[in-house]
Amino acid sequence: MIPQHAHCQVCGKAVKYGEAFCSEKCKKEYEEWMRKRRRMQLFLYAMIALIIIVYMLMIFSRSS
């Protein structure tokens, strides 16, 4: 029977059950990826907000 285990979230290697990463290198890679992902999400939210603001300004400037 295969012992209970999990897999590294970065490289997929088998790790002890309850652990997320096989090494400190994989943990750092994951943290860097998450930072980039958060930065990209904030950028996308800012762009959506900017588009909405420009659209609202266009609507209000026409009605005057």
PDB file of N, CA and C in Angstrom:
ATOM      1  N   MET A   1       0.840  -1.177   0.000  1.00  0.00           N
ATOM      2  CA  MET A   1       0.000   0.000   0.000  1.00  0.00           C
ATOM      3  C   MET A   1       0.891   1.248   0.000  1.00  0.00           C
ATOM      4  N   ILE A   2       0.496   2.263  -0.742  1.00  0.00           N
ATOM      5  CA  ILE A   2       1.263   3.508  -0.829  1.00  0.00           C
ATOM      6  C   ILE A   2       1.011   4.337   0.430  1.00  0.00           C
ATOM      7  N   PRO A   3       2.084   4.808   1.087  1.00  0.00           N
ATOM      8  CA  PRO A   3       1.889   5.633   2.286  1.00  0.00           C
ATOM      9  C   PRO A   3       1.221   6.963   1.929  1.00  0.00           C
ATOM     10  N   GLN A   4       0.493   7.497   2.890  1.00  0.00           N
ATOM     11  CA  GLN A   4      -0.212   8.756   2.675  1.00  0.00           C
ATOM     12  C   GLN A   4       0.812   9.863   2.416  1.00  0.00           C
ATOM     13  N   HIS A   5       0.614  10.604   1.329  1.00  0.00           N
ATOM     14  CA  HIS A   5       1.548  11.659   0.969  1.00  0.00           C
ATOM     15  C   HIS A   5       0.831  12.747   0.180  1.00  0.00           C
ATOM     16  N   ALA A   6       1.541  13.821  -0.072  1.00  0.00           N
ATOM     17  CA  ALA A   6       1.035  14.914  -0.900  1.00  0.00           C
ATOM     18  C   ALA A   6       2.087  15.183  -1.969  1.00  0.00           C
ATOM     19  N   HIS A   7       1.859  16.202  -2.774  1.00  0.00           N
ATOM     20  CA  HIS A   7       2.823  16.547  -3.813  1.00  0.00           C
ATOM     21  C   HIS A   7       3.198  18.011  -3.709  1.00  0.00           C
ATOM     22  N   CYS A   8       4.452  18.302  -4.026  1.00  0.00           N
ATOM     23  CA  CYS A   8       4.970  19.670  -4.016  1.00  0.00           C
ATOM     24  C   CYS A   8       4.125  20.516  -4.969  1.00  0.00           C
ATOM     25  N   GLN A   9       3.744  21.701  -4.538  1.00  0.00           N
ATOM     26  CA  GLN A   9       2.897  22.572  -5.351  1.00  0.00           C
ATOM     27  C   GLN A   9       3.635  23.157  -6.546  1.00  0.00           C
ATOM     28  N   VAL A  10       4.956  23.095  -6.543  1.00  0.00           N
ATOM     29  CA  VAL A  10       5.742  23.672  -7.632  1.00  0.00           C
ATOM     30  C   VAL A  10       6.198  22.598  -8.613  1.00  0.00           C
ATOM     31  N   CYS A  11       6.897  21.578  -8.120  1.00  0.00           N
ATOM     32  CA  CYS A  11       7.502  20.595  -9.027  1.00  0.00           C
ATOM     33  C   CYS A  11       6.760  19.257  -9.070  1.00  0.00           C
ATOM     34  N   GLY A  12       5.883  19.009  -8.116  1.00  0.00           N
ATOM     35  CA  GLY A  12       5.089  17.786  -8.140  1.00  0.00           C
ATOM     36  C   GLY A  12       5.711  16.579  -7.465  1.00  0.00           C
ATOM     37  N   LYS A  13       6.889  16.734  -6.862  1.00  0.00           N
ATOM     38  CA  LYS A  13       7.513  15.611  -6.159  1.00  0.00           C
ATOM     39  C   LYS A  13       6.685  15.222  -4.938  1.00  0.00           C
ATOM     40  N   ALA A  14       6.757  13.961  -4.562  1.00  0.00           N
ATOM     41  CA  ALA A  14       6.043  13.490  -3.378  1.00  0.00           C
ATOM     42  C   ALA A  14       6.683  14.089  -2.121  1.00  0.00           C
ATOM     43  N   VAL A  15       5.833  14.555  -1.209  1.00  0.00           N
ATOM     44  CA  VAL A  15       6.292  15.100   0.078  1.00  0.00           C
ATOM     45  C   VAL A  15       5.451  14.484   1.185  1.00  0.00           C
ATOM     46  N   LYS A  16       5.884  14.665   2.419  1.00  0.00           N
ATOM     47  CA  LYS A  16       5.115  14.155   3.552  1.00  0.00           C
ATOM     48  C   LYS A  16       3.729  14.782   3.554  1.00  0.00           C
ATOM     49  N   TYR A  17       2.764  14.007   4.002  1.00  0.00           N
ATOM     50  CA  TYR A  17       1.395  14.498   4.074  1.00  0.00           C
ATOM     51  C   TYR A  17       1.338  15.724   4.980  1.00  0.00           C
ATOM     52  N   GLY A  18       0.689  16.773   4.524  1.00  0.00           N
ATOM     53  CA  GLY A  18       0.569  17.999   5.302  1.00  0.00           C
ATOM     54  C   GLY A  18       1.586  19.062   4.922  1.00  0.00           C
ATOM     55  N   GLU A  19       2.611  18.684   4.159  1.00  0.00           N
ATOM     56  CA  GLU A  19       3.594  19.656   3.692  1.00  0.00           C
ATOM     57  C   GLU A  19       3.215  20.110   2.290  1.00  0.00           C
ATOM     58  N   ALA A  20       3.619  21.318   1.937  1.00  0.00           N
ATOM     59  CA  ALA A  20       3.251  21.854   0.633  1.00  0.00           C
ATOM     60  C   ALA A  20       4.410  21.860  -0.361  1.00  0.00           C
ATOM     61  N   PHE A  21       5.647  21.882   0.135  1.00  0.00           N
ATOM     62  CA  PHE A  21       6.804  22.013  -0.744  1.00  0.00           C
ATOM     63  C   PHE A  21       7.863  20.977  -0.399  1.00  0.00           C
ATOM     64  N   CYS A  22       8.657  20.620  -1.402  1.00  0.00           N
ATOM     65  CA  CYS A  22       9.707  19.625  -1.180  1.00  0.00           C
ATOM     66  C   CYS A  22      11.012  20.268  -0.730  1.00  0.00           C
ATOM     67  N   SER A  23      11.183  21.559  -1.006  1.00  0.00           N
ATOM     68  CA  SER A  23      12.433  22.227  -0.644  1.00  0.00           C
ATOM     69  C   SER A  23      12.188  23.718  -0.441  1.00  0.00           C
ATOM     70  N   GLU A  24      13.180  24.371   0.111  1.00  0.00           N
ATOM     71  CA  GLU A  24      13.111  25.822   0.307  1.00  0.00           C
ATOM     72  C   GLU A  24      13.093  26.533  -1.051  1.00  0.00           C
ATOM     73  N   LYS A  25      13.777  25.957  -2.034  1.00  0.00           N
ATOM     74  CA  LYS A  25      13.800  26.537  -3.381  1.00  0.00           C
ATOM     75  C   LYS A  25      12.388  26.583  -3.970  1.00  0.00           C
ATOM     76  N   CYS A  26      11.651  25.488  -3.854  1.00  0.00           N
ATOM     77  CA  CYS A  26      10.284  25.445  -4.375  1.00  0.00           C
ATOM     78  C   CYS A  26       9.388  26.421  -3.617  1.00  0.00           C
ATOM     79  N   LYS A  27       9.586  26.535  -2.312  1.00  0.00           N
ATOM     80  CA  LYS A  27       8.787  27.468  -1.519  1.00  0.00           C
ATOM     81  C   LYS A  27       9.032  28.902  -1.982  1.00  0.00           C
ATOM     82  N   LYS A  28      10.299  29.252  -2.228  1.00  0.00           N
ATOM     83  CA  LYS A  28      10.625  30.610  -2.683  1.00  0.00           C
ATOM     84  C   LYS A  28      10.074  30.867  -4.080  1.00  0.00           C
ATOM     85  N   GLU A  29      10.144  29.874  -4.962  1.00  0.00           N
ATOM     86  CA  GLU A  29       9.578  30.015  -6.309  1.00  0.00           C
ATOM     87  C   GLU A  29       8.080  30.268  -6.231  1.00  0.00           C
ATOM     88  N   TYR A  30       7.397  29.534  -5.355  1.00  0.00           N
ATOM     89  CA  TYR A  30       5.955  29.699  -5.186  1.00  0.00           C
ATOM     90  C   TYR A  30       5.627  31.087  -4.646  1.00  0.00           C
ATOM     91  N   GLU A  31       6.383  31.549  -3.655  1.00  0.00           N
ATOM     92  CA  GLU A  31       6.141  32.873  -3.083  1.00  0.00           C
ATOM     93  C   GLU A  31       6.360  33.966  -4.124  1.00  0.00           C
ATOM     94  N   GLU A  32       7.380  33.820  -4.962  1.00  0.00           N
ATOM     95  CA  GLU A  32       7.638  34.795  -6.028  1.00  0.00           C
ATOM     96  C   GLU A  32       6.499  34.785  -7.043  1.00  0.00           C
ATOM     97  N   TRP A  33       6.034  33.591  -7.396  1.00  0.00           N
ATOM     98  CA  TRP A  33       4.921  33.468  -8.333  1.00  0.00           C
ATOM     99  C   TRP A  33       3.668  34.134  -7.762  1.00  0.00           C
ATOM    100  N   MET A  34       3.420  33.951  -6.462  1.00  0.00           N
ATOM    101  CA  MET A  34       2.251  34.566  -5.826  1.00  0.00           C
ATOM    102  C   MET A  34       2.373  36.090  -5.813  1.00  0.00           C
ATOM    103  N   ARG A  35       3.574  36.616  -5.567  1.00  0.00           N
ATOM    104  CA  ARG A  35       3.774  38.070  -5.601  1.00  0.00           C
ATOM    105  C   ARG A  35       3.470  38.618  -6.992  1.00  0.00           C
ATOM    106  N   LYS A  36       3.965  37.934  -8.019  1.00  0.00           N
ATOM    107  CA  LYS A  36       3.701  38.366  -9.395  1.00  0.00           C
ATOM    108  C   LYS A  36       2.211  38.287  -9.711  1.00  0.00           C
ATOM    109  N   ARG A  37       1.565  37.248  -9.235  1.00  0.00           N
ATOM    110  CA  ARG A  37       0.132  37.068  -9.482  1.00  0.00           C
ATOM    111  C   ARG A  37      -0.670  38.180  -8.821  1.00  0.00           C
ATOM    112  N   ARG A  38      -0.329  38.507  -7.556  1.00  0.00           N
ATOM    113  CA  ARG A  38      -1.020  39.592  -6.854  1.00  0.00           C
ATOM    114  C   ARG A  38      -0.824  40.924  -7.568  1.00  0.00           C
ATOM    115  N   ARG A  39       0.417  41.169  -8.007  1.00  0.00           N
ATOM    116  CA  ARG A  39       0.720  42.405  -8.728  1.00  0.00           C
ATOM    117  C   ARG A  39      -0.111  42.488 -10.010  1.00  0.00           C
ATOM    118  N   MET A  40      -0.219  41.394 -10.739  1.00  0.00           N
ATOM    119  CA  MET A  40      -0.993  41.373 -11.975  1.00  0.00           C
ATOM    120  C   MET A  40      -2.478  41.584 -11.693  1.00  0.00           C
ATOM    121  N   GLN A  41      -2.993  40.981 -10.627  1.00  0.00           N
ATOM    122  CA  GLN A  41      -4.393  41.185 -10.265  1.00  0.00           C
ATOM    123  C   GLN A  41      -4.664  42.646  -9.941  1.00  0.00           C
ATOM    124  N   LEU A  42      -3.788  43.264  -9.167  1.00  0.00           N
ATOM    125  CA  LEU A  42      -3.962  44.681  -8.840  1.00  0.00           C
ATOM    126  C   LEU A  42      -3.928  45.539 -10.098  1.00  0.00           C
ATOM    127  N   PHE A  43      -3.032  45.233 -11.011  1.00  0.00           N
ATOM    128  CA  PHE A  43      -2.954  45.963 -12.270  1.00  0.00           C
ATOM    129  C   PHE A  43      -4.258  45.821 -13.053  1.00  0.00           C
ATOM    130  N   LEU A  44      -4.782  44.611 -13.141  1.00  0.00           N
ATOM    131  CA  LEU A  44      -6.030  44.395 -13.873  1.00  0.00           C
ATOM    132  C   LEU A  44      -7.198  45.123 -13.221  1.00  0.00           C
ATOM    133  N   TYR A  45      -7.284  45.092 -11.882  1.00  0.00           N
ATOM    134  CA  TYR A  45      -8.345  45.819 -11.190  1.00  0.00           C
ATOM    135  C   TYR A  45      -8.221  47.316 -11.427  1.00  0.00           C
ATOM    136  N   ALA A  46      -6.998  47.831 -11.419  1.00  0.00           N
ATOM    137  CA  ALA A  46      -6.780  49.254 -11.672  1.00  0.00           C
ATOM    138  C   ALA A  46      -7.206  49.616 -13.093  1.00  0.00           C
ATOM    139  N   MET A  47      -6.904  48.764 -14.058  1.00  0.00           N
ATOM    140  CA  MET A  47      -7.300  49.033 -15.444  1.00  0.00           C
ATOM    141  C   MET A  47      -8.819  49.018 -15.595  1.00  0.00           C
ATOM    142  N   ILE A  48      -9.478  48.079 -14.942  1.00  0.00           N
ATOM    143  CA  ILE A  48     -10.942  48.027 -14.995  1.00  0.00           C
ATOM    144  C   ILE A  48     -11.527  49.291 -14.383  1.00  0.00           C
ATOM    145  N   ALA A  49     -10.996  49.708 -13.236  1.00  0.00           N
ATOM    146  CA  ALA A  49     -11.476  50.930 -12.585  1.00  0.00           C
ATOM    147  C   ALA A  49     -11.247  52.134 -13.487  1.00  0.00           C
ATOM    148  N   LEU A  50     -10.100  52.209 -14.132  1.00  0.00           N
ATOM    149  CA  LEU A  50      -9.795  53.321 -15.029  1.00  0.00           C
ATOM    150  C   LEU A  50     -10.763  53.353 -16.207  1.00  0.00           C
ATOM    151  N   ILE A  51     -11.044  52.209 -16.783  1.00  0.00           N
ATOM    152  CA  ILE A  51     -11.989  52.134 -17.903  1.00  0.00           C
ATOM    153  C   ILE A  51     -13.369  52.595 -17.462  1.00  0.00           C
ATOM    154  N   ILE A  52     -13.809  52.165 -16.290  1.00  0.00           N
ATOM    155  CA  ILE A  52     -15.122  52.579 -15.781  1.00  0.00           C
ATOM    156  C   ILE A  52     -15.150  54.085 -15.553  1.00  0.00           C
ATOM    157  N   ILE A  53     -14.088  54.642 -14.974  1.00  0.00           N
ATOM    158  CA  ILE A  53     -14.037  56.086 -14.720  1.00  0.00           C
ATOM    159  C   ILE A  53     -14.082  56.861 -16.036  1.00  0.00           C
ATOM    160  N   VAL A  54     -13.297  56.442 -17.014  1.00  0.00           N
ATOM    161  CA  VAL A  54     -13.304  57.124 -18.313  1.00  0.00           C
ATOM    162  C   VAL A  54     -14.679  57.025 -18.951  1.00  0.00           C
ATOM    163  N   TYR A  55     -15.289  55.870 -18.896  1.00  0.00           N
ATOM    164  CA  TYR A  55     -16.627  55.677 -19.459  1.00  0.00           C
ATOM    165  C   TYR A  55     -17.641  56.589 -18.777  1.00  0.00           C
ATOM    166  N   MET A  56     -17.585  56.661 -17.447  1.00  0.00           N
ATOM    167  CA  MET A  56     -18.517  57.530 -16.713  1.00  0.00           C
ATOM    168  C   MET A  56     -18.278  58.999 -17.064  1.00  0.00           C
ATOM    169  N   LEU A  57     -17.033  59.407 -17.185  1.00  0.00           N
ATOM    170  CA  LEU A  57     -16.730  60.789 -17.575  1.00  0.00           C
ATOM    171  C   LEU A  57     -17.273  61.100 -18.961  1.00  0.00           C
ATOM    172  N   MET A  58     -17.171  60.155 -19.865  1.00  0.00           N
ATOM    173  CA  MET A  58     -17.708  60.359 -21.214  1.00  0.00           C
ATOM    174  C   MET A  58     -19.224  60.504 -21.174  1.00  0.00           C
ATOM    175  N   ILE A  59     -19.885  59.699 -20.377  1.00  0.00           N
ATOM    176  CA  ILE A  59     -21.345  59.773 -20.265  1.00  0.00           C
ATOM    177  C   ILE A  59     -21.765  61.113 -19.677  1.00  0.00           C
ATOM    178  N   PHE A  60     -21.122  61.530 -18.585  1.00  0.00           N
ATOM    179  CA  PHE A  60     -21.506  62.779 -17.926  1.00  0.00           C
ATOM    180  C   PHE A  60     -21.140  63.999 -18.757  1.00  0.00           C
ATOM    181  N   SER A  61     -20.088  63.940 -19.539  1.00  0.00           N
ATOM    182  CA  SER A  61     -19.710  65.097 -20.357  1.00  0.00           C
ATOM    183  C   SER A  61     -20.661  65.273 -21.533  1.00  0.00           C
ATOM    184  N   ARG A  62     -21.265  64.210 -22.019  1.00  0.00           N
ATOM    185  CA  ARG A  62     -22.245  64.307 -23.113  1.00  0.00           C
ATOM    186  C   ARG A  62     -23.572  64.870 -22.635  1.00  0.00           C
ATOM    187  N   SER A  63     -23.953  64.552 -21.413  1.00  0.00           N
ATOM    188  CA  SER A  63     -25.264  64.984 -20.920  1.00  0.00           C
ATOM    189  C   SER A  63     -25.293  66.462 -20.550  1.00  0.00           C
ATOM    190  N   SER A  64     -24.155  67.103 -20.434  1.00  0.00           N
ATOM    191  CA  SER A  64     -24.112  68.526 -20.061  1.00  0.00           C
ATOM    192  C   SER A  64     -24.406  69.424 -21.222  1.00  0.00           C
TER     193      SER A  64
END
